[in-house]
Protein backbone atom coordinates (compact mmCIF):
# COMPACT_ATOMS: atom_id res chain seq x y z
CA MET A 1 70.30 41.15 -4.06
CA LYS A 2 72.87 43.41 -5.67
CA LYS A 3 74.98 41.71 -8.32
CA CYS A 4 78.73 42.24 -8.09
CA ASN A 5 81.73 41.40 -10.17
CA VAL A 6 84.05 38.76 -8.75
CA ILE A 7 87.83 39.13 -8.77
CA GLY A 8 89.63 35.86 -8.11
CA LEU A 9 93.23 35.90 -6.94
CA ASP A 10 95.76 33.07 -7.04
CA LEU A 11 98.55 34.38 -4.83
CA ALA A 12 102.24 33.65 -5.32
CA LYS A 13 105.48 35.48 -4.55
CA ASN A 14 106.33 37.28 -7.81
CA VAL A 15 103.35 36.71 -10.11
CA ILE A 16 99.69 36.77 -9.09
CA GLN A 17 97.01 35.35 -11.36
CA VAL A 18 93.93 37.57 -11.47
CA CYS A 19 90.63 36.78 -13.14
CA LYS A 20 87.56 38.98 -13.22
CA ILE A 21 84.09 37.58 -13.79
CA SER A 22 81.13 39.86 -14.48
CA SER A 23 77.91 39.78 -12.49
CA ASP A 24 76.44 37.82 -15.43
CA GLY A 25 79.11 35.11 -15.12
CA GLU A 26 81.18 36.11 -18.16
CA LEU A 27 84.98 36.15 -18.04
CA ILE A 28 86.23 39.72 -18.41
CA TYR A 29 89.95 38.98 -18.09
CA ASN A 30 92.41 36.42 -16.78
CA LYS A 31 95.98 37.65 -16.50
CA ALA A 32 99.19 37.38 -14.51
CA VAL A 33 100.29 40.55 -12.72
CA SER A 34 103.04 41.66 -10.37
CA PRO A 35 102.18 42.51 -6.75
CA ASN A 36 102.56 46.23 -7.57
CA LYS A 37 100.15 45.95 -10.52
CA LEU A 38 97.67 44.11 -8.27
CA ARG A 39 97.68 47.03 -5.84
CA GLN A 40 96.93 49.40 -8.74
CA LEU A 41 94.19 47.10 -10.02
CA LEU A 42 92.47 46.98 -6.62
CA VAL A 43 92.50 50.77 -6.45
CA LYS A 44 90.93 51.33 -9.87
CA GLU A 45 88.32 48.51 -9.92
CA LYS A 46 84.81 49.29 -8.73
CA SER A 47 83.60 47.55 -5.58
CA SER A 48 83.70 43.79 -6.21
CA ILE A 49 83.87 40.50 -4.38
CA VAL A 50 87.54 39.52 -4.02
CA ALA A 51 87.91 35.77 -3.60
CA LEU A 52 91.15 34.02 -2.67
CA GLU A 53 92.40 30.86 -1.06
CA GLY A 54 93.75 30.98 2.47
CA CYS A 55 97.56 31.14 2.53
CA GLY A 56 100.35 33.06 4.21
CA SER A 57 99.73 36.35 2.41
CA CYS A 58 95.94 36.21 1.97
CA HIS A 59 95.20 38.41 4.99
CA TYR A 60 97.54 41.13 3.72
CA TRP A 61 95.85 41.20 0.31
CA GLY A 62 92.43 40.87 1.91
CA ARG A 63 92.93 43.89 4.14
CA LEU A 64 94.21 45.87 1.16
CA ALA A 65 91.16 44.90 -0.92
CA GLN A 66 88.80 45.87 1.92
CA GLN A 67 90.61 49.18 2.30
CA TYR A 68 89.63 49.99 -1.31
CA GLY A 69 85.96 49.05 -0.79
CA HIS A 70 85.90 45.42 -1.94
CA ASN A 71 84.12 42.57 -0.16
CA LEU A 72 86.42 39.75 0.86
CA HIS A 73 85.89 35.99 0.68
CA ILE A 74 88.73 33.70 1.85
CA LYS A 75 88.39 29.97 1.24
CA LYS A 76 90.17 27.70 3.69
CA PRO A 77 92.44 25.19 1.96
CA CYS A 78 91.32 21.55 2.05
């Protein structure tokens, strides 16, 4: 099985929390970014698993991530 980095997104209106975990399980970064910066980040990152919780805007961000070659995992809220 190919190991991939994981990019976790906590979506909000103006600030999105983004954390990246290496394929070895080490935290690479955890930062707050604007929606515009998130778009740029998705473009420049190598193919990764993008994980996010289901919400109103998750499908928009999911389609955008897939467009740039990322694998998408959406978790349904409890």
